[in-house]
């Protein structure tokens, strides 16, 4: 969806795996592959109209919030997103 929204001509997808099943910090790249965003969207049956509807929903959701910095997080075990308000200095570099 991001590639389509950005108007990109191509995107590169990487496939990786843990080096060891018990080590969550070290990974190896298994393969990479280039796709044209339109072709990939068709392959995964991404509905462009639905994509824009979701974008509109997020814009409306954030417009309803008070001024600040927010993070959207997806629960890895559920099909749900949670919005958190974070302090303004969150994710800022110290440099």
N, C-alpha and C. Protein backbone atom coordinates (compact mmCIF):
# COMPACT_ATOMS: atom_id res chain seq x y z
N UNK A 1 0.82 -1.19 0.00
CA UNK A 1 0.00 0.00 0.00
C UNK A 1 0.87 1.27 0.00
N UNK A 2 1.96 1.28 0.78
CA UNK A 2 2.82 2.45 0.83
C UNK A 2 3.46 2.72 -0.52
N UNK A 3 3.86 1.67 -1.22
CA UNK A 3 4.47 1.85 -2.54
C UNK A 3 3.49 2.44 -3.53
N UNK A 4 2.23 2.01 -3.46
CA UNK A 4 1.21 2.57 -4.34
C UNK A 4 0.95 4.03 -3.99
N UNK A 5 0.82 4.32 -2.71
CA UNK A 5 0.58 5.70 -2.27
C UNK A 5 1.73 6.62 -2.67
N UNK A 6 2.95 6.10 -2.62
CA UNK A 6 4.13 6.90 -2.94
C UNK A 6 4.35 7.03 -4.45
N UNK A 7 3.64 6.22 -5.24
CA UNK A 7 3.83 6.27 -6.69
C UNK A 7 5.12 5.62 -7.14
N UNK A 8 5.63 4.67 -6.36
CA UNK A 8 6.90 4.01 -6.70
C UNK A 8 6.74 3.11 -7.92
N UNK A 9 7.79 3.04 -8.74
CA UNK A 9 7.80 2.17 -9.92
C UNK A 9 8.10 0.72 -9.56
N UNK A 10 8.89 0.53 -8.51
CA UNK A 10 9.23 -0.82 -8.07
C UNK A 10 9.49 -0.82 -6.58
N UNK A 11 9.41 -2.02 -6.00
CA UNK A 11 9.72 -2.18 -4.58
C UNK A 11 10.49 -3.48 -4.42
N UNK A 12 11.28 -3.54 -3.36
CA UNK A 12 12.09 -4.72 -3.11
C UNK A 12 11.65 -5.31 -1.77
N UNK A 13 11.32 -6.57 -1.77
CA UNK A 13 10.89 -7.26 -0.56
C UNK A 13 11.99 -8.23 -0.16
N UNK A 14 12.31 -8.24 1.13
CA UNK A 14 13.32 -9.16 1.64
C UNK A 14 12.69 -10.20 2.54
N UNK A 15 13.23 -11.39 2.49
CA UNK A 15 12.77 -12.49 3.32
C UNK A 15 13.90 -12.86 4.26
N UNK A 16 13.61 -12.87 5.56
CA UNK A 16 14.66 -13.16 6.53
C UNK A 16 14.16 -14.16 7.55
N UNK A 17 15.11 -14.69 8.31
CA UNK A 17 14.81 -15.69 9.33
C UNK A 17 15.78 -15.49 10.48
N UNK A 18 15.40 -15.99 11.64
CA UNK A 18 16.32 -15.95 12.77
C UNK A 18 17.51 -16.86 12.50
N UNK A 19 18.69 -16.44 12.93
CA UNK A 19 19.88 -17.27 12.79
C UNK A 19 19.74 -18.54 13.61
N UNK A 20 19.14 -18.39 14.77
CA UNK A 20 18.88 -19.50 15.68
C UNK A 20 17.46 -19.31 16.23
N UNK A 21 16.69 -20.36 16.34
CA UNK A 21 15.31 -20.21 16.83
C UNK A 21 15.19 -19.53 18.19
N UNK A 22 16.21 -19.65 19.01
CA UNK A 22 16.15 -19.07 20.37
C UNK A 22 16.71 -17.66 20.45
N UNK A 23 17.31 -17.15 19.38
CA UNK A 23 17.93 -15.83 19.39
C UNK A 23 17.07 -14.87 18.57
N UNK A 24 16.39 -13.95 19.25
CA UNK A 24 15.50 -13.01 18.57
C UNK A 24 16.24 -11.79 18.01
N UNK A 25 17.56 -11.72 18.18
CA UNK A 25 18.30 -10.53 17.79
C UNK A 25 19.18 -10.69 16.56
N UNK A 26 19.48 -11.90 16.16
CA UNK A 26 20.33 -12.12 14.99
C UNK A 26 19.52 -12.80 13.88
N UNK A 27 19.60 -12.21 12.68
CA UNK A 27 18.83 -12.71 11.55
C UNK A 27 19.72 -12.88 10.32
N UNK A 28 19.25 -13.69 9.39
CA UNK A 28 19.93 -13.86 8.11
C UNK A 28 18.94 -13.54 6.99
N UNK A 29 19.44 -12.94 5.92
CA UNK A 29 18.59 -12.65 4.76
C UNK A 29 18.56 -13.90 3.89
N UNK A 30 17.36 -14.38 3.62
CA UNK A 30 17.20 -15.59 2.82
C UNK A 30 17.13 -15.28 1.33
N UNK A 31 16.42 -14.19 0.99
CA UNK A 31 16.26 -13.83 -0.43
C UNK A 31 15.67 -12.43 -0.52
N UNK A 32 15.81 -11.82 -1.68
CA UNK A 32 15.15 -10.56 -1.98
C UNK A 32 14.50 -10.69 -3.34
N UNK A 33 13.45 -9.89 -3.56
CA UNK A 33 12.77 -9.95 -4.84
C UNK A 33 12.17 -8.58 -5.16
N UNK A 34 12.27 -8.18 -6.43
CA UNK A 34 11.68 -6.94 -6.89
C UNK A 34 10.28 -7.19 -7.41
N UNK A 35 9.37 -6.24 -7.14
CA UNK A 35 8.01 -6.29 -7.65
C UNK A 35 7.62 -4.92 -8.15
N UNK A 36 6.72 -4.87 -9.13
CA UNK A 36 6.05 -3.63 -9.47
C UNK A 36 4.87 -3.53 -8.51
N UNK A 37 4.69 -2.39 -7.82
CA UNK A 37 3.63 -2.28 -6.81
C UNK A 37 2.24 -2.65 -7.32
N UNK A 38 1.88 -2.24 -8.54
CA UNK A 38 0.56 -2.57 -9.08
C UNK A 38 0.40 -4.08 -9.24
N UNK A 39 1.45 -4.75 -9.75
CA UNK A 39 1.39 -6.20 -9.92
C UNK A 39 1.29 -6.92 -8.58
N UNK A 40 2.07 -6.47 -7.61
CA UNK A 40 2.05 -7.09 -6.29
C UNK A 40 0.69 -6.89 -5.62
N UNK A 41 0.12 -5.69 -5.77
CA UNK A 41 -1.20 -5.41 -5.19
C UNK A 41 -2.25 -6.35 -5.78
N UNK A 42 -2.17 -6.59 -7.06
CA UNK A 42 -3.10 -7.52 -7.71
C UNK A 42 -2.88 -8.94 -7.17
N UNK A 43 -1.63 -9.32 -7.01
CA UNK A 43 -1.29 -10.66 -6.53
C UNK A 43 -1.84 -10.93 -5.13
N UNK A 44 -1.81 -9.92 -4.25
CA UNK A 44 -2.32 -10.10 -2.89
C UNK A 44 -3.76 -9.61 -2.74
N UNK A 45 -4.40 -9.34 -3.85
CA UNK A 45 -5.80 -8.87 -3.91
C UNK A 45 -6.03 -7.64 -3.04
N UNK A 46 -5.12 -6.68 -3.13
CA UNK A 46 -5.26 -5.41 -2.42
C UNK A 46 -6.26 -4.55 -3.19
N UNK A 47 -7.27 -4.10 -2.52
CA UNK A 47 -8.29 -3.25 -3.13
C UNK A 47 -7.87 -1.79 -2.94
N UNK A 48 -7.54 -1.11 -4.04
CA UNK A 48 -7.05 0.27 -3.94
C UNK A 48 -8.08 1.21 -3.33
N UNK A 49 -9.35 1.00 -3.64
CA UNK A 49 -10.41 1.83 -3.05
C UNK A 49 -10.47 1.66 -1.55
N UNK A 50 -10.33 0.43 -1.09
CA UNK A 50 -10.34 0.15 0.34
C UNK A 50 -9.11 0.75 1.02
N UNK A 51 -7.99 0.74 0.31
CA UNK A 51 -6.76 1.33 0.84
C UNK A 51 -6.98 2.82 1.12
N UNK A 52 -7.59 3.54 0.18
CA UNK A 52 -7.84 4.97 0.37
C UNK A 52 -8.86 5.20 1.47
N UNK A 53 -9.83 4.31 1.61
CA UNK A 53 -10.82 4.43 2.70
C UNK A 53 -10.13 4.31 4.05
N UNK A 54 -9.19 3.38 4.15
CA UNK A 54 -8.45 3.22 5.41
C UNK A 54 -7.61 4.46 5.70
N UNK A 55 -7.00 5.01 4.67
CA UNK A 55 -6.20 6.23 4.84
C UNK A 55 -7.09 7.36 5.36
N UNK A 56 -8.26 7.51 4.76
CA UNK A 56 -9.21 8.55 5.19
C UNK A 56 -9.61 8.34 6.65
N UNK A 57 -9.84 7.07 7.04
CA UNK A 57 -10.22 6.76 8.41
C UNK A 57 -9.12 7.16 9.38
N UNK A 58 -7.84 6.88 9.04
CA UNK A 58 -6.74 7.26 9.92
C UNK A 58 -6.61 8.77 10.04
N UNK A 59 -6.76 9.49 8.94
CA UNK A 59 -6.69 10.96 8.98
C UNK A 59 -7.78 11.50 9.88
N UNK A 60 -9.00 10.98 9.75
CA UNK A 60 -10.10 11.44 10.60
C UNK A 60 -9.85 11.09 12.07
N UNK A 61 -9.31 9.91 12.31
CA UNK A 61 -9.02 9.48 13.68
C UNK A 61 -8.01 10.41 14.33
N UNK A 62 -6.92 10.74 13.61
CA UNK A 62 -5.91 11.63 14.18
C UNK A 62 -6.40 13.06 14.29
N UNK A 63 -7.25 13.50 13.40
CA UNK A 63 -7.80 14.86 13.49
C UNK A 63 -8.66 15.04 14.73
N UNK A 64 -9.24 13.98 15.25
CA UNK A 64 -10.09 14.05 16.44
C UNK A 64 -9.26 14.14 17.73
N UNK A 65 -7.98 13.82 17.64
CA UNK A 65 -7.12 13.81 18.83
C UNK A 65 -6.59 15.21 19.12
N UNK A 66 -6.25 15.43 20.39
CA UNK A 66 -5.62 16.70 20.75
C UNK A 66 -4.22 16.73 20.16
N UNK A 67 -3.65 17.91 20.06
CA UNK A 67 -2.30 18.09 19.50
C UNK A 67 -1.31 17.24 20.28
N UNK A 68 -0.44 16.55 19.57
CA UNK A 68 0.56 15.72 20.24
C UNK A 68 1.18 14.72 19.29
N UNK A 69 1.90 13.78 19.85
CA UNK A 69 2.58 12.74 19.09
C UNK A 69 1.95 11.40 19.45
N UNK A 70 1.64 10.61 18.43
CA UNK A 70 0.95 9.34 18.63
C UNK A 70 1.67 8.22 17.90
N UNK A 71 1.47 7.01 18.39
CA UNK A 71 2.03 5.82 17.75
C UNK A 71 0.89 4.82 17.54
N UNK A 72 0.83 4.25 16.35
CA UNK A 72 -0.11 3.16 16.08
C UNK A 72 0.67 1.86 16.15
N UNK A 73 0.16 0.90 16.92
CA UNK A 73 0.82 -0.40 17.03
C UNK A 73 -0.18 -1.49 16.72
N UNK A 74 0.28 -2.47 15.94
CA UNK A 74 -0.56 -3.61 15.62
C UNK A 74 -0.23 -4.74 16.57
N UNK A 75 -1.25 -5.34 17.13
CA UNK A 75 -1.07 -6.51 17.98
C UNK A 75 -0.69 -7.68 17.08
N UNK A 76 0.45 -8.33 17.33
CA UNK A 76 0.89 -9.41 16.43
C UNK A 76 -0.02 -10.63 16.44
N UNK A 77 -0.84 -10.77 17.48
CA UNK A 77 -1.70 -11.95 17.60
C UNK A 77 -3.16 -11.67 17.27
N UNK A 78 -3.48 -10.42 16.95
CA UNK A 78 -4.87 -10.06 16.66
C UNK A 78 -4.90 -9.13 15.45
N UNK A 79 -6.05 -9.01 14.84
CA UNK A 79 -6.23 -8.07 13.73
C UNK A 79 -6.72 -6.74 14.30
N UNK A 80 -5.88 -6.10 15.13
CA UNK A 80 -6.29 -4.84 15.74
C UNK A 80 -5.11 -3.89 15.84
N UNK A 81 -5.44 -2.59 15.79
CA UNK A 81 -4.46 -1.53 15.97
C UNK A 81 -4.81 -0.77 17.24
N UNK A 82 -3.79 -0.33 17.97
CA UNK A 82 -3.99 0.47 19.17
C UNK A 82 -3.20 1.76 19.02
N UNK A 83 -3.84 2.89 19.37
CA UNK A 83 -3.16 4.18 19.29
C UNK A 83 -2.73 4.59 20.69
N UNK A 84 -1.47 5.02 20.79
CA UNK A 84 -0.91 5.48 22.07
C UNK A 84 -0.41 6.91 21.90
N UNK A 85 -0.71 7.75 22.89
CA UNK A 85 -0.12 9.09 22.91
C UNK A 85 1.22 8.96 23.61
N UNK A 86 2.26 9.52 23.01
CA UNK A 86 3.60 9.44 23.58
C UNK A 86 4.13 10.84 23.84
N UNK A 87 5.11 10.99 24.74
CA UNK A 87 5.69 12.31 25.00
C UNK A 87 6.29 12.91 23.73
N UNK A 88 6.25 14.24 23.59
CA UNK A 88 6.73 14.90 22.37
C UNK A 88 8.18 14.58 22.01
N UNK A 89 9.03 14.29 22.99
CA UNK A 89 10.43 14.04 22.70
C UNK A 89 10.70 12.58 22.29
N UNK A 90 9.69 11.75 22.28
CA UNK A 90 9.85 10.34 21.90
C UNK A 90 10.36 10.23 20.48
N UNK A 91 11.33 9.35 20.25
CA UNK A 91 11.92 9.07 18.95
C UNK A 91 12.80 10.20 18.42
N UNK A 92 13.13 11.18 19.23
CA UNK A 92 13.99 12.28 18.78
C UNK A 92 15.44 11.91 19.02
N UNK A 93 16.30 12.25 18.08
CA UNK A 93 17.74 12.01 18.24
C UNK A 93 18.30 13.02 19.22
N UNK A 94 19.32 12.60 19.97
CA UNK A 94 19.96 13.50 20.93
C UNK A 94 20.94 14.44 20.26
N UNK A 95 21.30 14.19 19.01
CA UNK A 95 22.30 15.01 18.33
C UNK A 95 21.76 16.33 17.90
